[in-house]
Amino acid sequence: MSDLQPFEAVPNPLIAQPDFKVPAEMDAAIDELISHYPKKRSATLMLLHAIQERYGFISEEAVNWVAKKLELQPINVLEVATFYPMFKHRPVGRWHLKVCRTLSCALAGSYQIHQGYCKKFGLDPHAHGAQTSKDGQVTVEFVECLAACGSAPVLMCNETLHENVSEAKANEIVGGCK
């Protein structure tokens, strides 16, 4: 007889939580969308976009739901969701300011713009990743290339790209957000 005791199950953070619900009409639309692909897996990006559009970000529960829907392992969905920078993995503010930090933008003043936003919203300019203001309204994120190097510095406010942004224009953009 072995002295080994059965191990106790440890909760897996990638197992869907019961509070994540997809409405019936969205579920039906997603089923119809999946039918347009020769393999279910090919619909991964489209499902992630649909989830983010509805919920604002891709939660672990959403990753699990998509995996189950597409008959995949959660890691197969997670690797797609984490590869593409447009997917958010936690809630962001109503206004999401993404400031480009790559070379062209850095040389043209994006670090000063980022620092100005951090100061304005009480955030740490040296912290990594997106930061949200205490009121939850504004998220500031220093991001890699926004693909507009010829008109640096650039930033995005939600999905709107702003080019040739001076510090004054950056403040004007924030003023338009409120």
N, C-alpha and C. Protein backbone atom coordinates (compact mmCIF):
# COMPACT_ATOMS: atom_id res chain seq x y z
N MET A 1 0.84 -1.18 0.00
CA MET A 1 0.00 0.00 0.00
C MET A 1 0.88 1.24 0.00
N SER A 2 0.56 2.20 -0.83
CA SER A 2 1.34 3.42 -0.94
C SER A 2 0.95 4.43 0.13
N ASP A 3 1.94 5.19 0.58
CA ASP A 3 1.69 6.26 1.55
C ASP A 3 1.27 7.56 0.88
N LEU A 4 1.26 7.58 -0.45
CA LEU A 4 0.92 8.80 -1.17
C LEU A 4 -0.56 9.11 -1.02
N GLN A 5 -0.83 10.37 -0.74
CA GLN A 5 -2.21 10.83 -0.61
C GLN A 5 -2.63 11.46 -1.94
N PRO A 6 -3.90 11.35 -2.29
CA PRO A 6 -4.34 12.03 -3.51
C PRO A 6 -4.16 13.54 -3.34
N PHE A 7 -3.73 14.18 -4.42
CA PHE A 7 -3.51 15.63 -4.32
C PHE A 7 -4.84 16.36 -4.37
N GLU A 8 -4.85 17.52 -3.79
CA GLU A 8 -6.05 18.35 -3.78
C GLU A 8 -6.09 19.19 -5.05
N ALA A 9 -7.22 19.25 -5.67
CA ALA A 9 -7.36 20.02 -6.91
C ALA A 9 -7.12 21.50 -6.63
N VAL A 10 -6.34 22.11 -7.48
CA VAL A 10 -6.07 23.55 -7.39
C VAL A 10 -6.89 24.23 -8.47
N PRO A 11 -7.62 25.30 -8.12
CA PRO A 11 -8.42 25.99 -9.14
C PRO A 11 -7.55 26.47 -10.30
N ASN A 12 -7.99 26.22 -11.50
CA ASN A 12 -7.28 26.65 -12.70
C ASN A 12 -7.84 28.00 -13.14
N PRO A 13 -6.99 29.04 -13.25
CA PRO A 13 -7.49 30.36 -13.64
C PRO A 13 -8.02 30.40 -15.07
N LEU A 14 -7.73 29.37 -15.88
CA LEU A 14 -8.21 29.37 -17.25
C LEU A 14 -9.54 28.62 -17.41
N ILE A 15 -10.13 28.21 -16.32
CA ILE A 15 -11.45 27.57 -16.40
C ILE A 15 -12.50 28.67 -16.28
N ALA A 16 -13.45 28.65 -17.19
CA ALA A 16 -14.45 29.72 -17.26
C ALA A 16 -15.19 29.89 -15.95
N GLN A 17 -15.37 31.13 -15.58
CA GLN A 17 -16.13 31.46 -14.38
C GLN A 17 -17.60 31.58 -14.74
N PRO A 18 -18.50 31.27 -13.84
CA PRO A 18 -19.92 31.26 -14.16
C PRO A 18 -20.53 32.62 -14.46
N ASP A 19 -19.83 33.73 -14.15
CA ASP A 19 -20.42 35.05 -14.35
C ASP A 19 -20.28 35.56 -15.78
N PHE A 20 -19.52 34.90 -16.64
CA PHE A 20 -19.37 35.33 -18.02
C PHE A 20 -20.50 34.74 -18.84
N LYS A 21 -21.34 35.60 -19.37
CA LYS A 21 -22.50 35.16 -20.15
C LYS A 21 -22.51 35.86 -21.49
N VAL A 22 -22.78 35.11 -22.53
CA VAL A 22 -22.95 35.66 -23.87
C VAL A 22 -24.44 35.59 -24.17
N PRO A 23 -25.06 36.73 -24.49
CA PRO A 23 -26.50 36.73 -24.79
C PRO A 23 -26.83 35.81 -25.96
N ALA A 24 -28.02 35.27 -25.95
CA ALA A 24 -28.46 34.31 -26.97
C ALA A 24 -28.32 34.87 -28.39
N GLU A 25 -28.67 36.14 -28.58
CA GLU A 25 -28.58 36.71 -29.93
C GLU A 25 -27.13 36.82 -30.41
N MET A 26 -26.22 37.12 -29.49
CA MET A 26 -24.81 37.18 -29.85
C MET A 26 -24.27 35.78 -30.13
N ASP A 27 -24.69 34.82 -29.32
CA ASP A 27 -24.28 33.44 -29.52
C ASP A 27 -24.72 32.94 -30.89
N ALA A 28 -25.95 33.26 -31.27
CA ALA A 28 -26.47 32.85 -32.58
C ALA A 28 -25.69 33.53 -33.71
N ALA A 29 -25.38 34.82 -33.55
CA ALA A 29 -24.62 35.54 -34.57
C ALA A 29 -23.22 34.95 -34.70
N ILE A 30 -22.63 34.56 -33.60
CA ILE A 30 -21.30 33.96 -33.62
C ILE A 30 -21.34 32.59 -34.30
N ASP A 31 -22.38 31.81 -34.01
CA ASP A 31 -22.52 30.51 -34.69
C ASP A 31 -22.62 30.70 -36.20
N GLU A 32 -23.36 31.71 -36.62
CA GLU A 32 -23.50 32.00 -38.05
C GLU A 32 -22.15 32.43 -38.63
N LEU A 33 -21.42 33.25 -37.91
CA LEU A 33 -20.10 33.71 -38.34
C LEU A 33 -19.15 32.52 -38.51
N ILE A 34 -19.13 31.64 -37.54
CA ILE A 34 -18.25 30.47 -37.59
C ILE A 34 -18.53 29.62 -38.83
N SER A 35 -19.79 29.58 -39.23
CA SER A 35 -20.16 28.74 -40.38
C SER A 35 -19.52 29.22 -41.69
N HIS A 36 -19.00 30.41 -41.72
CA HIS A 36 -18.36 30.94 -42.93
C HIS A 36 -16.90 30.51 -43.08
N TYR A 37 -16.37 29.82 -42.09
CA TYR A 37 -14.98 29.41 -42.12
C TYR A 37 -14.87 27.90 -42.34
N PRO A 38 -13.88 27.48 -43.14
CA PRO A 38 -13.73 26.05 -43.40
C PRO A 38 -13.35 25.25 -42.15
N LYS A 39 -12.64 25.91 -41.23
CA LYS A 39 -12.28 25.31 -39.94
C LYS A 39 -12.68 26.30 -38.86
N LYS A 40 -13.28 25.80 -37.79
CA LYS A 40 -13.72 26.68 -36.70
C LYS A 40 -12.59 27.56 -36.18
N ARG A 41 -11.41 26.99 -36.05
CA ARG A 41 -10.25 27.71 -35.52
C ARG A 41 -10.00 29.02 -36.26
N SER A 42 -10.30 29.05 -37.54
CA SER A 42 -10.06 30.24 -38.36
C SER A 42 -10.88 31.44 -37.92
N ALA A 43 -11.91 31.22 -37.13
CA ALA A 43 -12.77 32.31 -36.67
C ALA A 43 -12.28 32.94 -35.37
N THR A 44 -11.15 32.51 -34.86
CA THR A 44 -10.66 32.98 -33.56
C THR A 44 -10.58 34.50 -33.48
N LEU A 45 -9.92 35.14 -34.45
CA LEU A 45 -9.78 36.60 -34.41
C LEU A 45 -11.14 37.29 -34.42
N MET A 46 -12.03 36.83 -35.27
CA MET A 46 -13.34 37.47 -35.36
C MET A 46 -14.12 37.34 -34.05
N LEU A 47 -14.03 36.19 -33.40
CA LEU A 47 -14.72 36.02 -32.13
C LEU A 47 -14.12 36.91 -31.05
N LEU A 48 -12.79 37.02 -31.03
CA LEU A 48 -12.15 37.90 -30.06
C LEU A 48 -12.56 39.36 -30.28
N HIS A 49 -12.63 39.77 -31.54
CA HIS A 49 -13.10 41.13 -31.83
C HIS A 49 -14.53 41.33 -31.34
N ALA A 50 -15.39 40.35 -31.59
CA ALA A 50 -16.80 40.46 -31.16
C ALA A 50 -16.91 40.54 -29.64
N ILE A 51 -16.13 39.74 -28.95
CA ILE A 51 -16.14 39.75 -27.48
C ILE A 51 -15.65 41.11 -26.97
N GLN A 52 -14.54 41.59 -27.52
CA GLN A 52 -14.02 42.88 -27.05
C GLN A 52 -14.98 44.02 -27.35
N GLU A 53 -15.60 43.98 -28.51
CA GLU A 53 -16.56 45.03 -28.87
C GLU A 53 -17.72 45.06 -27.87
N ARG A 54 -18.17 43.90 -27.45
CA ARG A 54 -19.31 43.81 -26.52
C ARG A 54 -18.91 44.13 -25.07
N TYR A 55 -17.78 43.56 -24.61
CA TYR A 55 -17.42 43.64 -23.20
C TYR A 55 -16.30 44.63 -22.89
N GLY A 56 -15.61 45.12 -23.92
CA GLY A 56 -14.56 46.12 -23.72
C GLY A 56 -13.17 45.55 -23.55
N PHE A 57 -13.06 44.25 -23.27
CA PHE A 57 -11.76 43.60 -23.11
C PHE A 57 -11.96 42.09 -23.19
N ILE A 58 -10.84 41.37 -23.28
CA ILE A 58 -10.87 39.91 -23.37
C ILE A 58 -10.47 39.35 -22.01
N SER A 59 -11.44 38.87 -21.27
CA SER A 59 -11.17 38.30 -19.95
C SER A 59 -10.75 36.83 -20.09
N GLU A 60 -10.24 36.26 -19.01
CA GLU A 60 -9.90 34.85 -19.02
C GLU A 60 -11.15 34.00 -19.28
N GLU A 61 -12.26 34.44 -18.73
CA GLU A 61 -13.52 33.72 -18.96
C GLU A 61 -13.90 33.75 -20.44
N ALA A 62 -13.66 34.90 -21.10
CA ALA A 62 -13.96 35.01 -22.53
C ALA A 62 -13.05 34.10 -23.34
N VAL A 63 -11.79 34.02 -22.98
CA VAL A 63 -10.85 33.12 -23.66
C VAL A 63 -11.38 31.70 -23.59
N ASN A 64 -11.82 31.30 -22.42
CA ASN A 64 -12.34 29.94 -22.24
C ASN A 64 -13.61 29.71 -23.03
N TRP A 65 -14.47 30.71 -23.06
CA TRP A 65 -15.72 30.58 -23.81
C TRP A 65 -15.43 30.42 -25.30
N VAL A 66 -14.53 31.25 -25.84
CA VAL A 66 -14.16 31.16 -27.25
C VAL A 66 -13.53 29.80 -27.55
N ALA A 67 -12.65 29.35 -26.66
CA ALA A 67 -12.01 28.05 -26.85
C ALA A 67 -13.05 26.93 -26.93
N LYS A 68 -13.99 26.96 -26.02
CA LYS A 68 -15.04 25.93 -26.03
C LYS A 68 -15.87 26.03 -27.31
N LYS A 69 -16.23 27.23 -27.70
CA LYS A 69 -17.04 27.46 -28.89
C LYS A 69 -16.34 26.94 -30.14
N LEU A 70 -15.02 27.10 -30.19
CA LEU A 70 -14.25 26.71 -31.38
C LEU A 70 -13.62 25.33 -31.26
N GLU A 71 -13.91 24.65 -30.14
CA GLU A 71 -13.37 23.31 -29.87
C GLU A 71 -11.85 23.32 -29.87
N LEU A 72 -11.31 24.30 -29.15
CA LEU A 72 -9.87 24.45 -29.00
C LEU A 72 -9.50 24.40 -27.52
N GLN A 73 -8.21 24.34 -27.25
CA GLN A 73 -7.72 24.49 -25.89
C GLN A 73 -7.62 25.99 -25.60
N PRO A 74 -7.83 26.41 -24.37
CA PRO A 74 -7.73 27.84 -24.05
C PRO A 74 -6.40 28.47 -24.47
N ILE A 75 -5.31 27.72 -24.40
CA ILE A 75 -4.01 28.28 -24.78
C ILE A 75 -4.00 28.67 -26.26
N ASN A 76 -4.75 27.95 -27.10
CA ASN A 76 -4.80 28.29 -28.53
C ASN A 76 -5.45 29.65 -28.75
N VAL A 77 -6.42 30.00 -27.94
CA VAL A 77 -7.07 31.31 -28.05
C VAL A 77 -6.22 32.37 -27.36
N LEU A 78 -5.66 32.03 -26.22
CA LEU A 78 -4.83 32.97 -25.47
C LEU A 78 -3.61 33.42 -26.27
N GLU A 79 -3.01 32.49 -27.02
CA GLU A 79 -1.84 32.89 -27.80
C GLU A 79 -2.20 33.88 -28.89
N VAL A 80 -3.41 33.82 -29.42
CA VAL A 80 -3.86 34.80 -30.41
C VAL A 80 -4.18 36.12 -29.71
N ALA A 81 -4.90 36.04 -28.61
CA ALA A 81 -5.33 37.24 -27.89
C ALA A 81 -4.14 38.04 -27.35
N THR A 82 -3.06 37.36 -26.99
CA THR A 82 -1.91 38.07 -26.44
C THR A 82 -0.91 38.49 -27.52
N PHE A 83 -1.00 37.92 -28.71
CA PHE A 83 -0.10 38.29 -29.79
C PHE A 83 -0.46 39.66 -30.37
N TYR A 84 -1.74 39.91 -30.54
CA TYR A 84 -2.19 41.14 -31.18
C TYR A 84 -2.39 42.25 -30.15
N PRO A 85 -1.74 43.41 -30.35
CA PRO A 85 -1.82 44.48 -29.35
C PRO A 85 -3.17 45.19 -29.27
N MET A 86 -4.06 44.96 -30.22
CA MET A 86 -5.35 45.65 -30.17
C MET A 86 -6.30 45.03 -29.14
N PHE A 87 -5.95 43.84 -28.64
CA PHE A 87 -6.82 43.22 -27.65
C PHE A 87 -6.42 43.65 -26.25
N LYS A 88 -7.41 44.08 -25.50
CA LYS A 88 -7.20 44.52 -24.13
C LYS A 88 -7.51 43.35 -23.21
N HIS A 89 -6.74 43.21 -22.13
CA HIS A 89 -6.89 42.08 -21.23
C HIS A 89 -7.44 42.46 -19.86
N ARG A 90 -7.76 43.71 -19.74
CA ARG A 90 -8.45 44.19 -18.53
C ARG A 90 -9.21 45.44 -18.93
N PRO A 91 -10.17 45.83 -18.14
CA PRO A 91 -10.97 47.01 -18.51
C PRO A 91 -10.10 48.25 -18.65
N VAL A 92 -10.48 49.11 -19.57
CA VAL A 92 -9.80 50.39 -19.74
C VAL A 92 -10.82 51.50 -19.57
N GLY A 93 -10.32 52.71 -19.45
CA GLY A 93 -11.20 53.86 -19.27
C GLY A 93 -12.03 54.14 -20.52
N ARG A 94 -12.95 55.04 -20.36
CA ARG A 94 -13.80 55.45 -21.48
C ARG A 94 -12.95 56.01 -22.61
N TRP A 95 -11.87 56.68 -22.23
CA TRP A 95 -10.93 57.25 -23.20
C TRP A 95 -9.60 56.53 -23.05
N HIS A 96 -9.18 55.86 -24.10
CA HIS A 96 -7.93 55.10 -24.08
C HIS A 96 -6.92 55.83 -24.95
N LEU A 97 -5.93 56.43 -24.31
CA LEU A 97 -4.89 57.19 -25.00
C LEU A 97 -3.66 56.31 -25.17
N LYS A 98 -3.34 55.98 -26.41
CA LYS A 98 -2.18 55.15 -26.71
C LYS A 98 -1.14 56.05 -27.38
N VAL A 99 -0.01 56.22 -26.72
CA VAL A 99 1.05 57.09 -27.21
C VAL A 99 2.18 56.20 -27.74
N CYS A 100 2.55 56.40 -29.00
CA CYS A 100 3.62 55.62 -29.62
C CYS A 100 4.96 55.99 -29.01
N ARG A 101 5.78 54.97 -28.74
CA ARG A 101 7.09 55.24 -28.14
C ARG A 101 8.26 54.78 -29.00
N THR A 102 8.01 54.31 -30.21
CA THR A 102 9.12 53.84 -31.02
C THR A 102 9.96 55.00 -31.52
N LEU A 103 11.06 54.71 -32.18
CA LEU A 103 12.10 55.69 -32.45
C LEU A 103 11.62 57.00 -33.07
N SER A 104 10.88 56.93 -34.16
CA SER A 104 10.43 58.17 -34.82
C SER A 104 9.64 59.04 -33.86
N CYS A 105 8.72 58.43 -33.16
CA CYS A 105 7.87 59.19 -32.23
C CYS A 105 8.66 59.67 -31.02
N ALA A 106 9.56 58.83 -30.52
CA ALA A 106 10.38 59.23 -29.38
C ALA A 106 11.22 60.45 -29.72
N LEU A 107 11.83 60.44 -30.89
CA LEU A 107 12.65 61.58 -31.30
C LEU A 107 11.82 62.84 -31.52
N ALA A 108 10.55 62.65 -31.84
CA ALA A 108 9.68 63.80 -32.12
C ALA A 108 8.90 64.29 -30.89
N GLY A 109 9.09 63.64 -29.73
CA GLY A 109 8.49 64.17 -28.51
C GLY A 109 7.43 63.32 -27.83
N SER A 110 7.30 62.05 -28.20
CA SER A 110 6.24 61.24 -27.59
C SER A 110 6.46 60.98 -26.10
N TYR A 111 7.72 60.95 -25.66
CA TYR A 111 7.97 60.73 -24.23
C TYR A 111 7.44 61.91 -23.41
N GLN A 112 7.59 63.12 -23.93
CA GLN A 112 7.07 64.29 -23.23
C GLN A 112 5.53 64.26 -23.20
N ILE A 113 4.93 63.82 -24.29
CA ILE A 113 3.46 63.72 -24.35
C ILE A 113 2.98 62.70 -23.32
N HIS A 114 3.63 61.54 -23.29
CA HIS A 114 3.25 60.49 -22.34
C HIS A 114 3.40 60.99 -20.90
N GLN A 115 4.53 61.64 -20.61
CA GLN A 115 4.75 62.16 -19.25
C GLN A 115 3.70 63.21 -18.89
N GLY A 116 3.35 64.06 -19.86
CA GLY A 116 2.33 65.07 -19.62
C GLY A 116 0.98 64.44 -19.29
N TYR A 117 0.61 63.41 -20.03
CA TYR A 117 -0.65 62.71 -19.74
C TYR A 117 -0.61 62.05 -18.36
N CYS A 118 0.51 61.42 -18.06
CA CYS A 118 0.63 60.77 -16.75
C CYS A 118 0.50 61.79 -15.62
N LYS A 119 1.14 62.92 -15.77
CA LYS A 119 1.05 63.97 -14.75
C LYS A 119 -0.38 64.47 -14.63
N LYS A 120 -1.01 64.71 -15.78
CA LYS A 120 -2.37 65.25 -15.79
C LYS A 120 -3.37 64.31 -15.09
N PHE A 121 -3.18 62.99 -15.25
CA PHE A 121 -4.14 62.03 -14.72
C PHE A 121 -3.65 61.30 -13.48
N GLY A 122 -2.55 61.77 -12.90
CA GLY A 122 -2.05 61.19 -11.65
C GLY A 122 -1.51 59.78 -11.81
N LEU A 123 -0.81 59.52 -12.91
CA LEU A 123 -0.29 58.20 -13.19
C LEU A 123 1.24 58.21 -13.13
N ASP A 124 1.83 57.04 -13.01
CA ASP A 124 3.28 56.90 -12.94
C ASP A 124 3.86 56.78 -14.35
N PRO A 125 4.64 57.77 -14.80
CA PRO A 125 5.18 57.72 -16.17
C PRO A 125 6.20 56.61 -16.38
N HIS A 126 6.67 55.98 -15.30
CA HIS A 126 7.67 54.92 -15.42
C HIS A 126 7.05 53.52 -15.30
N ALA A 127 5.78 53.44 -15.01
CA ALA A 127 5.12 52.13 -14.86
C ALA A 127 4.96 51.47 -16.23
N HIS A 128 4.99 50.17 -16.24
CA HIS A 128 4.80 49.41 -17.48
C HIS A 128 3.33 49.11 -17.68
N GLY A 129 2.90 49.11 -18.92
CA GLY A 129 1.53 48.75 -19.25
C GLY A 129 0.58 49.92 -19.11
N ALA A 130 -0.66 49.62 -19.44
CA ALA A 130 -1.71 50.64 -19.39
C ALA A 130 -2.03 50.99 -17.94
N GLN A 131 -2.32 52.28 -17.71
CA GLN A 131 -2.72 52.75 -16.39
C GLN A 131 -4.01 53.55 -16.54
N THR A 132 -4.90 53.37 -15.60
CA THR A 132 -6.19 54.06 -15.66
C THR A 132 -6.29 55.05 -14.51
N SER A 133 -6.83 56.22 -14.81
CA SER A 133 -7.02 57.26 -13.80
C SER A 133 -7.93 56.76 -12.69
N LYS A 134 -7.83 57.40 -11.53
CA LYS A 134 -8.63 56.96 -10.37
C LYS A 134 -10.12 57.01 -10.62
N ASP A 135 -10.57 57.94 -11.47
CA ASP A 135 -12.00 58.01 -11.76
C ASP A 135 -12.44 56.98 -12.81
N GLY A 136 -11.46 56.24 -13.35
CA GLY A 136 -11.76 55.18 -14.31
C GLY A 136 -12.10 55.68 -15.71
N GLN A 137 -11.96 56.97 -15.95
CA GLN A 137 -12.36 57.54 -17.23
C GLN A 137 -11.29 57.48 -18.31
N VAL A 138 -10.01 57.60 -17.91
CA VAL A 138 -8.93 57.71 -18.89
C VAL A 138 -7.87 56.64 -18.62
N THR A 139 -7.50 55.93 -19.68
CA THR A 139 -6.38 54.99 -19.62
C THR A 139 -5.29 55.53 -20.53
N VAL A 140 -4.07 55.57 -20.01
CA VAL A 140 -2.91 56.02 -20.77
C VAL A 140 -1.98 54.82 -20.93
N GLU A 141 -1.54 54.62 -22.16
CA GLU A 141 -0.67 53.48 -22.44
C GLU A 141 0.42 53.91 -23.42
N PHE A 142 1.64 53.54 -23.10
CA PHE A 142 2.77 53.76 -23.99
C PHE A 142 2.87 52.50 -24.84
N VAL A 143 2.73 52.61 -26.14
CA VAL A 143 2.65 51.43 -27.01
C VAL A 143 3.77 51.43 -28.05
N GLU A 144 3.98 50.27 -28.61
CA GLU A 144 4.91 50.15 -29.73
C GLU A 144 4.21 50.67 -30.98
N CYS A 145 4.90 50.73 -32.03
CA CYS A 145 4.53 51.35 -33.30
C CYS A 145 3.04 51.39 -33.63
N LEU A 146 2.57 52.58 -33.94
CA LEU A 146 1.20 52.78 -34.42
C LEU A 146 1.18 52.94 -35.95
N ALA A 147 2.31 52.63 -36.58
CA ALA A 147 2.43 52.55 -38.05
C ALA A 147 2.19 53.88 -38.76
N ALA A 148 2.69 54.96 -38.19
CA ALA A 148 2.59 56.27 -38.85
C ALA A 148 3.88 57.04 -38.61
N CYS A 149 5.00 56.37 -38.82
CA CYS A 149 6.32 56.94 -38.50
C CYS A 149 6.61 58.24 -39.24
N GLY A 150 6.07 58.39 -40.43
CA GLY A 150 6.32 59.58 -41.22
C GLY A 150 5.65 60.82 -40.70
N SER A 151 4.73 60.66 -39.76
CA SER A 151 4.03 61.82 -39.19
C SER A 151 4.10 61.81 -37.67
N ALA A 152 5.29 61.47 -37.18
CA ALA A 152 5.51 61.36 -35.73
C ALA A 152 5.54 62.74 -35.08
N PRO A 153 5.19 62.81 -33.79
CA PRO A 153 4.70 61.72 -32.96
C PRO A 153 3.20 61.47 -33.18
N VAL A 154 2.81 60.24 -32.92
CA VAL A 154 1.41 59.88 -33.11
C VAL A 154 0.84 59.30 -31.83
N LEU A 155 -0.47 59.42 -31.71
CA LEU A 155 -1.18 58.80 -30.60
C LEU A 155 -2.57 58.45 -31.08
N MET A 156 -3.20 57.55 -30.35
CA MET A 156 -4.58 57.19 -30.64
C MET A 156 -5.43 57.52 -29.42
N CYS A 157 -6.58 58.09 -29.66
CA CYS A 157 -7.59 58.28 -28.62
C CYS A 157 -8.72 57.36 -29.04
N ASN A 158 -8.90 56.30 -28.28
CA ASN A 158 -9.77 55.19 -28.66
C ASN A 158 -9.30 54.68 -30.02
N GLU A 159 -10.10 54.76 -31.04
CA GLU A 159 -9.69 54.21 -32.34
C GLU A 159 -9.32 55.30 -33.35
N THR A 160 -9.17 56.53 -32.90
CA THR A 160 -8.83 57.64 -33.81
C THR A 160 -7.33 57.94 -33.72
N LEU A 161 -6.67 57.86 -34.86
CA LEU A 161 -5.24 58.15 -34.93
C LEU A 161 -5.03 59.66 -35.09
N HIS A 162 -4.11 60.20 -34.31
CA HIS A 162 -3.73 61.62 -34.39
C HIS A 162 -2.26 61.69 -34.74
N GLU A 163 -1.94 62.44 -35.78
CA GLU A 163 -0.57 62.53 -36.28
C GLU A 163 0.02 63.91 -36.02
N ASN A 164 1.35 63.98 -36.04
CA ASN A 164 2.08 65.24 -35.82
C ASN A 164 1.59 65.94 -34.55
N VAL A 165 1.55 65.20 -33.47
CA VAL A 165 0.98 65.70 -32.22
C VAL A 165 2.02 66.45 -31.41
N SER A 166 1.77 67.72 -31.23
CA SER A 166 2.60 68.53 -30.34
C SER A 166 2.02 68.39 -28.93
N GLU A 167 2.72 68.92 -27.95
CA GLU A 167 2.17 68.87 -26.58
C GLU A 167 0.86 69.65 -26.50
N ALA A 168 0.79 70.76 -27.20
CA ALA A 168 -0.45 71.56 -27.21
C ALA A 168 -1.59 70.77 -27.86
N LYS A 169 -1.29 70.10 -28.97
CA LYS A 169 -2.32 69.30 -29.63
C LYS A 169 -2.74 68.11 -28.77
N ALA A 170 -1.78 67.54 -28.02
CA ALA A 170 -2.09 66.44 -27.12
C ALA A 170 -3.09 66.89 -26.05
N ASN A 171 -2.91 68.10 -25.53
CA ASN A 171 -3.85 68.64 -24.54
C ASN A 171 -5.21 68.93 -25.17
N GLU A 172 -5.20 69.39 -26.39
CA GLU A 172 -6.45 69.65 -27.12
C GLU A 172 -7.21 68.34 -27.33
N ILE A 173 -6.50 67.28 -27.67
CA ILE A 173 -7.13 65.97 -27.88
C ILE A 173 -7.80 65.50 -26.60
N VAL A 174 -7.10 65.65 -25.48
CA VAL A 174 -7.67 65.25 -24.18
C VAL A 174 -8.88 66.11 -23.85
N GLY A 175 -8.80 67.38 -24.17
CA GLY A 175 -9.95 68.28 -23.94
C GLY A 175 -11.17 67.84 -24.69
N GLY A 176 -10.99 67.30 -25.89
CA GLY A 176 -12.09 66.80 -26.69
C GLY A 176 -12.68 65.51 -26.18
N CYS A 177 -11.92 64.82 -25.33
CA CYS A 177 -12.39 63.55 -24.77
C CYS A 177 -13.41 63.77 -23.66
N LYS A 178 -13.31 64.87 -22.97
CA LYS A 178 -14.15 65.08 -21.78
C LYS A 178 -15.55 65.50 -22.14
